[in-house]
Protein backbone atom coordinates (compact mmCIF):
# COMPACT_ATOMS: atom_id res chain seq x y z
CA MET A 1 -31.78 7.20 -27.09
CA ASP A 2 -33.51 10.59 -25.72
CA ARG A 3 -35.86 8.13 -23.70
CA ILE A 4 -32.98 6.27 -22.44
CA ASN A 5 -31.34 9.28 -21.33
CA GLU A 6 -34.46 10.50 -19.57
CA LEU A 7 -34.81 7.31 -17.61
CA ASP A 8 -31.22 7.52 -16.72
CA SER A 9 -31.65 11.06 -15.21
CA LEU A 10 -34.87 10.08 -13.56
CA VAL A 11 -33.09 7.05 -11.81
CA SER A 12 -30.13 9.59 -11.05
CA ALA A 13 -32.30 12.05 -9.22
CA SER A 14 -34.24 9.43 -7.23
CA SER A 15 -33.21 7.60 -4.02
CA ARG A 16 -36.50 5.69 -3.09
CA ILE A 17 -38.14 3.59 -5.65
CA CYS A 18 -41.26 1.68 -5.94
CA VAL A 19 -41.59 -1.01 -8.91
CA THR A 20 -44.97 -2.45 -9.30
CA ALA A 21 -46.80 -5.14 -11.45
CA HIS A 22 -50.41 -6.47 -12.30
CA THR A 23 -52.49 -8.64 -9.97
CA HIS A 24 -51.94 -12.36 -10.08
CA PRO A 25 -48.29 -11.86 -11.10
CA ASP A 26 -46.93 -14.42 -13.37
CA GLY A 27 -43.45 -14.96 -14.39
CA ASP A 28 -43.17 -12.14 -16.62
CA ALA A 29 -44.48 -9.56 -13.94
CA LEU A 30 -41.90 -10.99 -11.36
CA GLY A 31 -39.09 -11.41 -13.71
CA SER A 32 -39.24 -8.01 -15.01
CA GLY A 33 -39.96 -6.65 -11.62
CA LEU A 34 -37.28 -8.22 -9.82
CA ALA A 35 -34.58 -7.81 -12.47
CA LEU A 36 -35.38 -4.09 -12.50
CA VAL A 37 -35.12 -3.97 -8.65
CA GLY A 38 -31.77 -5.72 -8.77
CA TYR A 39 -30.44 -3.38 -11.20
CA LEU A 40 -31.48 -0.40 -9.29
CA THR A 41 -30.27 -1.60 -6.03
CA GLU A 42 -26.89 -3.36 -7.14
CA CYS A 43 -26.07 -1.33 -10.33
CA ARG A 44 -27.45 2.25 -8.88
CA GLY A 45 -27.27 2.12 -5.25
CA LYS A 46 -30.96 2.57 -5.06
CA ASP A 47 -33.48 1.81 -2.12
CA ALA A 48 -36.08 -0.23 -4.75
CA ALA A 49 -38.63 -2.82 -3.98
CA LEU A 50 -41.38 -4.23 -5.96
CA VAL A 51 -44.88 -4.00 -4.59
CA ILE A 52 -47.36 -6.34 -6.05
CA PRO A 53 -50.92 -6.91 -5.21
CA ASP A 54 -50.88 -10.75 -4.39
CA SER A 55 -48.49 -13.19 -2.98
CA VAL A 56 -45.83 -14.86 -5.02
CA PRO A 57 -47.24 -18.23 -6.50
CA GLU A 58 -45.40 -21.12 -4.80
CA SER A 59 -44.37 -22.28 -8.24
CA LEU A 60 -42.47 -19.17 -8.84
CA ARG A 61 -40.84 -18.69 -5.50
CA PHE A 62 -37.53 -19.99 -6.65
CA ILE A 63 -36.86 -16.75 -8.41
CA LEU A 64 -36.72 -14.90 -5.07
CA ARG A 65 -33.59 -16.95 -3.96
CA ASN A 66 -31.29 -14.54 -5.52
CA PHE A 67 -32.73 -11.73 -4.16
CA ARG A 68 -32.69 -10.06 -0.76
CA GLU A 69 -35.65 -10.80 1.31
CA ASP A 70 -37.39 -7.33 1.58
CA ALA A 71 -37.17 -7.19 -2.43
CA VAL A 72 -40.76 -7.98 -2.71
CA ILE A 73 -43.82 -6.54 -0.81
CA PRO A 74 -47.11 -8.21 -1.53
CA TYR A 75 -49.99 -5.95 -0.82
CA ALA A 76 -51.99 -8.89 0.19
CA GLU A 77 -49.71 -9.87 3.08
CA ASP A 78 -48.78 -6.44 4.44
CA PRO A 79 -51.01 -3.45 2.90
CA VAL A 80 -49.60 -0.91 5.37
CA LEU A 81 -45.94 -1.39 4.35
CA ALA A 82 -47.16 -1.55 0.60
CA THR A 83 -49.08 1.55 0.63
CA GLU A 84 -46.10 3.17 2.69
CA ARG A 85 -43.62 2.16 0.25
CA ILE A 86 -45.86 3.81 -2.88
CA ARG A 87 -46.54 6.94 -1.14
CA SER A 88 -42.78 7.48 0.02
CA SER A 89 -41.04 6.47 -3.35
CA ASP A 90 -39.87 9.56 -5.37
CA LEU A 91 -39.98 7.39 -8.57
CA ILE A 92 -42.34 4.59 -9.45
CA PHE A 93 -41.94 1.90 -12.25
CA CYS A 94 -45.14 0.18 -13.34
CA LEU A 95 -43.96 -3.25 -15.59
CA ASP A 96 -45.91 -5.66 -17.30
CA CYS A 97 -49.01 -3.77 -16.50
CA PRO A 98 -50.54 -1.08 -19.05
CA SER A 99 -52.50 0.81 -16.46
CA PHE A 100 -52.38 1.11 -12.54
CA SER A 101 -56.07 -0.37 -12.68
CA ARG A 102 -54.73 -3.92 -13.36
CA THR A 103 -53.04 -3.77 -9.95
CA ASN A 104 -55.99 -3.64 -7.57
CA PRO A 105 -58.10 -0.89 -6.33
CA GLU A 106 -56.43 -0.08 -2.92
CA MET A 107 -53.02 0.00 -4.83
CA GLU A 108 -54.45 1.87 -7.79
CA ALA A 109 -55.41 4.74 -5.40
CA PRO A 110 -51.97 5.72 -3.87
CA LEU A 111 -50.31 4.81 -7.37
CA SER A 112 -52.14 7.21 -9.10
CA ALA A 113 -52.25 10.04 -6.50
CA SER A 114 -48.52 10.08 -6.16
CA ALA A 115 -46.80 13.36 -7.58
CA SER A 116 -43.63 11.33 -8.31
CA PRO A 117 -42.51 10.67 -11.90
CA LYS A 118 -43.88 7.49 -13.20
CA VAL A 119 -42.29 5.26 -15.83
CA LEU A 120 -44.24 2.54 -17.81
CA ILE A 121 -42.23 -0.47 -19.18
CA ASP A 122 -44.88 -2.93 -20.87
CA HIS A 123 -45.68 -5.09 -23.97
CA HIS A 124 -49.36 -5.12 -23.79
CA LEU A 125 -52.08 -3.24 -26.15
CA ASN A 126 -53.67 -0.14 -25.25
CA PRO A 127 -51.27 1.26 -22.54
CA ASP A 128 -52.55 4.14 -20.11
CA ALA A 129 -49.81 6.44 -21.54
CA GLY A 130 -51.25 9.59 -20.17
CA ALA A 131 -50.84 8.50 -16.46
CA PHE A 132 -46.98 8.04 -16.90
CA SER A 133 -44.22 10.55 -17.31
CA LEU A 134 -42.29 8.23 -19.50
CA VAL A 135 -43.48 5.25 -21.58
CA PHE A 136 -41.78 2.40 -22.98
CA SER A 137 -44.46 0.57 -24.69
CA GLU A 138 -43.89 -2.02 -27.49
CA THR A 139 -45.90 -5.18 -28.67
CA GLU A 140 -43.69 -6.60 -30.91
CA VAL A 141 -41.48 -8.45 -28.15
CA SER A 142 -42.15 -11.46 -26.41
CA SER A 143 -42.61 -10.12 -22.84
CA THR A 144 -41.84 -7.25 -20.75
CA CYS A 145 -38.76 -9.10 -19.71
CA GLU A 146 -37.45 -8.70 -23.30
CA LEU A 147 -38.17 -5.03 -23.41
CA LEU A 148 -36.55 -4.41 -20.03
CA PHE A 149 -33.51 -6.47 -21.31
CA LEU A 150 -33.18 -4.21 -24.33
CA ILE A 151 -33.65 -1.08 -22.13
CA LEU A 152 -30.93 -1.96 -19.46
CA LYS A 153 -28.56 -3.00 -22.13
CA ARG A 154 -28.73 0.66 -23.73
CA MET A 155 -28.35 2.43 -19.99
CA PRO A 156 -25.30 4.33 -20.10
CA ASP A 157 -23.72 2.46 -16.93
CA VAL A 158 -24.18 -1.11 -18.91
CA ASP A 159 -23.49 0.24 -22.33
CA GLY A 160 -24.23 -3.20 -23.95
CA ASP A 161 -21.68 -4.99 -21.62
CA LEU A 162 -23.91 -7.78 -20.04
CA LYS A 163 -21.17 -8.69 -17.58
CA LYS A 164 -22.10 -5.24 -15.71
CA LEU A 165 -25.51 -6.79 -14.71
CA PRO A 166 -25.81 -8.97 -11.71
CA GLY A 167 -26.49 -12.76 -12.51
CA SER A 168 -29.72 -12.50 -10.54
CA VAL A 169 -30.95 -9.92 -13.00
CA LEU A 170 -30.22 -11.87 -16.05
CA GLY A 171 -31.56 -15.01 -14.56
CA ALA A 172 -34.74 -13.38 -13.75
CA LEU A 173 -34.94 -12.06 -17.42
CA MET A 174 -34.59 -15.30 -18.63
CA THR A 175 -37.14 -16.71 -16.38
CA GLY A 176 -39.84 -14.26 -17.08
CA MET A 177 -39.40 -14.35 -21.11
CA THR A 178 -39.44 -18.14 -20.80
CA THR A 179 -42.86 -18.16 -19.02
CA ASP A 180 -44.36 -15.61 -21.50
CA THR A 181 -43.57 -17.32 -24.67
CA ASN A 182 -44.67 -20.74 -23.09
CA ASN A 183 -40.94 -21.88 -23.39
CA PHE A 184 -40.56 -20.41 -27.02
CA ALA A 185 -44.10 -21.98 -28.08
CA ASN A 186 -45.67 -18.67 -29.02
CA SER A 187 -45.12 -14.70 -29.33
CA VAL A 188 -41.45 -15.40 -30.21
CA PHE A 189 -39.42 -12.71 -32.32
CA PRO A 190 -36.00 -12.54 -33.69
CA GLY A 191 -35.10 -10.53 -30.50
CA THR A 192 -36.32 -13.25 -28.58
CA MET A 193 -33.80 -15.71 -29.70
CA ARG A 194 -30.89 -13.09 -29.49
CA MET A 195 -31.87 -12.33 -26.11
CA ALA A 196 -31.70 -16.07 -24.94
CA SER A 197 -28.43 -16.53 -26.94
CA GLU A 198 -26.87 -13.61 -25.27
CA LEU A 199 -28.20 -14.47 -21.67
CA ILE A 200 -26.81 -18.13 -21.94
CA ALA A 201 -23.50 -16.62 -23.45
CA ALA A 202 -23.53 -14.13 -20.13
CA GLY A 203 -23.72 -17.30 -17.67
CA VAL A 204 -27.52 -17.88 -17.32
CA ASP A 205 -28.21 -21.34 -16.51
CA ARG A 206 -31.15 -22.06 -18.74
CA ASP A 207 -31.27 -25.78 -17.61
CA LEU A 208 -31.62 -24.77 -14.11
CA ILE A 209 -34.23 -22.15 -14.81
CA LEU A 210 -36.42 -24.94 -16.83
CA SER A 211 -35.93 -27.29 -13.97
CA ASP A 212 -37.36 -24.84 -11.61
CA LEU A 213 -40.02 -23.99 -13.73
CA TYR A 214 -41.35 -27.20 -14.97
CA HIS A 215 -40.04 -29.97 -12.73
CA ASN A 216 -40.97 -28.92 -9.14
CA TYR A 217 -45.06 -29.03 -9.13
CA ARG A 218 -47.03 -30.85 -6.48
CA GLU A 219 -48.58 -34.03 -7.20
CA ASN A 220 -51.87 -32.42 -6.82
CA ARG A 221 -51.34 -30.09 -9.73
CA LEU A 222 -51.02 -33.20 -12.09
CA ARG A 223 -53.95 -34.74 -10.66
CA LEU A 224 -56.06 -31.79 -11.29
CA MET A 225 -54.67 -31.28 -14.75
CA GLY A 226 -55.78 -34.80 -15.56
CA TYR A 227 -59.33 -34.33 -14.01
CA LEU A 228 -59.87 -30.87 -15.95
CA LEU A 229 -58.75 -32.70 -19.05
CA SER A 230 -60.82 -35.89 -18.65
CA GLU A 231 -64.08 -34.71 -16.71
CA ASN A 232 -64.18 -31.00 -17.35
CA LEU A 233 -63.17 -29.97 -20.65
CA VAL A 234 -65.75 -29.22 -23.22
CA ILE A 235 -64.80 -28.55 -26.95
CA SER A 236 -67.90 -27.02 -28.80
CA PRO A 237 -68.73 -27.91 -32.81
CA GLU A 238 -67.21 -24.39 -33.69
CA GLY A 239 -63.66 -25.06 -31.88
CA ALA A 240 -64.10 -23.53 -28.63
CA ALA A 241 -62.48 -25.30 -25.58
CA VAL A 242 -63.62 -24.62 -22.12
CA MET A 243 -62.35 -25.48 -18.74
CA VAL A 244 -63.84 -24.28 -15.33
CA LEU A 245 -61.68 -24.25 -12.17
CA ASP A 246 -64.50 -23.64 -9.57
CA LYS A 247 -64.50 -23.44 -5.76
CA GLU A 248 -65.35 -27.04 -5.26
CA CYS A 249 -62.82 -28.22 -7.67
CA GLN A 250 -60.10 -26.07 -6.17
CA GLU A 251 -60.92 -27.61 -2.52
CA ARG A 252 -61.00 -30.85 -4.01
CA PHE A 253 -57.25 -30.71 -5.16
CA ASP A 254 -56.09 -28.44 -2.79
CA PHE A 255 -55.23 -25.68 -5.34
CA ARG A 256 -52.78 -23.13 -4.84
CA GLN A 257 -52.38 -19.87 -7.08
CA GLY A 258 -50.27 -20.40 -9.92
CA GLU A 259 -50.59 -23.94 -10.36
CA SER A 260 -53.14 -23.82 -13.35
CA GLU A 261 -50.25 -21.91 -15.21
CA GLY A 262 -50.24 -23.22 -18.95
CA PHE A 263 -53.52 -25.34 -18.57
CA VAL A 264 -55.20 -22.75 -20.86
CA ASN A 265 -52.76 -23.65 -23.76
CA LEU A 266 -53.31 -27.65 -23.45
CA PRO A 267 -56.57 -27.60 -25.59
CA LEU A 268 -54.98 -25.84 -28.44
CA SER A 269 -52.94 -29.17 -29.47
CA VAL A 270 -56.52 -30.53 -30.66
CA ALA A 271 -56.69 -29.78 -34.47
CA ASN A 272 -60.00 -28.44 -34.50
CA VAL A 273 -59.79 -26.25 -31.43
CA LYS A 274 -59.47 -22.57 -32.41
CA ILE A 275 -59.66 -20.76 -29.05
CA SER A 276 -59.28 -21.96 -25.37
CA ILE A 277 -60.88 -20.41 -22.12
CA PHE A 278 -59.95 -21.03 -18.85
CA LEU A 279 -61.91 -19.83 -15.80
CA THR A 280 -60.67 -19.76 -12.25
CA GLU A 281 -63.38 -18.84 -9.47
CA GLU A 282 -62.63 -16.17 -6.99
CA GLU A 283 -64.81 -14.11 -4.75
CA GLY A 284 -67.77 -12.69 -6.79
CA LYS A 285 -66.20 -13.49 -10.37
CA PHE A 286 -64.33 -16.00 -12.43
CA ARG A 287 -60.66 -14.97 -13.84
CA VAL A 288 -60.62 -15.51 -17.66
CA SER A 289 -57.72 -16.44 -19.43
CA VAL A 290 -58.02 -16.85 -23.42
CA ARG A 291 -55.63 -18.32 -25.84
CA SER A 292 -56.14 -18.67 -29.60
CA LYS A 293 -54.63 -19.85 -32.84
CA ARG A 294 -53.25 -17.69 -35.50
CA GLY A 295 -56.36 -15.54 -37.03
CA ILE A 296 -58.76 -15.73 -34.24
CA SER A 297 -58.32 -12.71 -31.90
CA ALA A 298 -58.21 -13.79 -28.22
CA ASN A 299 -57.99 -9.92 -27.53
CA ARG A 300 -61.22 -9.06 -29.24
CA LEU A 301 -62.93 -12.03 -27.52
CA ALA A 302 -61.63 -10.87 -24.21
CA MET A 303 -62.54 -7.33 -24.72
CA SER A 304 -66.22 -8.00 -26.10
CA TYR A 305 -67.24 -10.40 -23.58
CA PHE A 306 -64.95 -10.50 -20.38
CA HIS A 307 -64.16 -6.83 -19.39
CA GLY A 308 -60.31 -7.40 -20.58
CA GLY A 309 -58.12 -7.59 -23.59
CA GLY A 310 -54.35 -8.54 -24.32
CA HIS A 311 -52.45 -9.85 -27.14
CA GLU A 312 -53.89 -10.87 -30.45
CA MET A 313 -53.38 -14.64 -29.41
CA ALA A 314 -53.29 -14.01 -25.45
CA ALA A 315 -55.76 -12.24 -23.46
CA GLY A 316 -57.53 -12.29 -20.28
CA GLY A 317 -60.36 -10.53 -18.16
CA LYS A 318 -63.18 -11.50 -15.75
CA LEU A 319 -66.82 -12.76 -15.64
CA ASN A 320 -68.73 -11.42 -12.76
CA PHE A 321 -71.75 -12.77 -10.99
CA PRO A 322 -74.57 -12.06 -10.75
CA GLU A 323 -73.67 -8.93 -13.10
CA ASP A 324 -72.79 -11.21 -16.24
CA ILE A 325 -74.22 -14.64 -15.18
CA PRO A 326 -76.37 -15.39 -12.53
CA SER A 327 -74.30 -18.07 -10.74
CA PRO A 328 -70.82 -19.79 -11.20
CA SER A 329 -73.02 -22.88 -12.35
CA GLU A 330 -73.83 -21.02 -15.59
CA ALA A 331 -70.35 -20.27 -16.41
CA LYS A 332 -69.48 -22.99 -18.98
CA ALA A 333 -72.91 -22.33 -20.75
CA TYR A 334 -72.14 -18.90 -21.15
CA ILE A 335 -68.82 -19.44 -22.58
CA LEU A 336 -70.14 -21.88 -25.09
CA LYS A 337 -72.82 -19.41 -26.16
CA VAL A 338 -70.51 -16.27 -26.58
CA THR A 339 -67.73 -18.29 -28.52
CA ARG A 340 -70.37 -19.61 -30.66
CA GLU A 341 -71.39 -16.05 -31.82
CA PHE A 342 -67.94 -15.04 -31.91
CA LEU A 343 -66.64 -17.76 -33.97
CA THR A 344 -69.66 -17.93 -36.44
CA ARG A 345 -70.30 -14.16 -37.30
């Protein structure tokens, strides 16, 4: 309870607050960030905003409809405003992001340099605890949204009564938890089910959230998925599944950020697949997503070969070229090589 009281004191003593999250924000980053902004503004009367490195993916824009227009500041769209918000804030939160280095270099500098108190709320391994004044780090939860849910319930002004939290906050928490568990397919704990039950009892429309999440994609996404599975997917004898979304493929299907969400999980439905790797080409690198079945460490693979890490069965990283591989065309061969080493040693 001491940390909750300390958090309450920090919020009470502040007036202008910056909430931030990791690059390429997913449902958990946006859900937890917006839920906290909603709580701080509507329940505590603070001037709060969520500063994220990149734009909100089109597939997740529905989450913004219950929040004010200026609740989110994407650095990629307005770096001056984003930097000003960081530098002028007297309290900084970092959510779903174990280190400021997981934002981007341009944001990391003012975040690290700020003399304001900093609070970490995160569920990933290896948090940079020394960079924060107050740390809430718990890996045995489904998502940062679940951890924030537990924290908000214990805040003195809420005191366990979810009716004291705005519907927009509760809906954002349900959205982030749903995406990070792949709709309850992984990383589900007893508390996750209790959270969902309590949110539904409090009035959250889960059916609407599921419709927003999974029934509003563009046709191009479905055609891209079909192409990747039929023409691009490689499964090695050792049980590694690999798909590569390179620039050529992105242009062919008019790919937009967020449209490949969940693709990395698809090969895990194959009986002999032990680990799935999905690569997305960006400028000078591939963004790497790794998922695995129980007993195979996605985190260890990402740490060993992709400059990354994460959870035991869900991790990520990057593959640089020409530093790690000579060119993008070499990516699939490299992945098959390192996964063979990893799965047979």
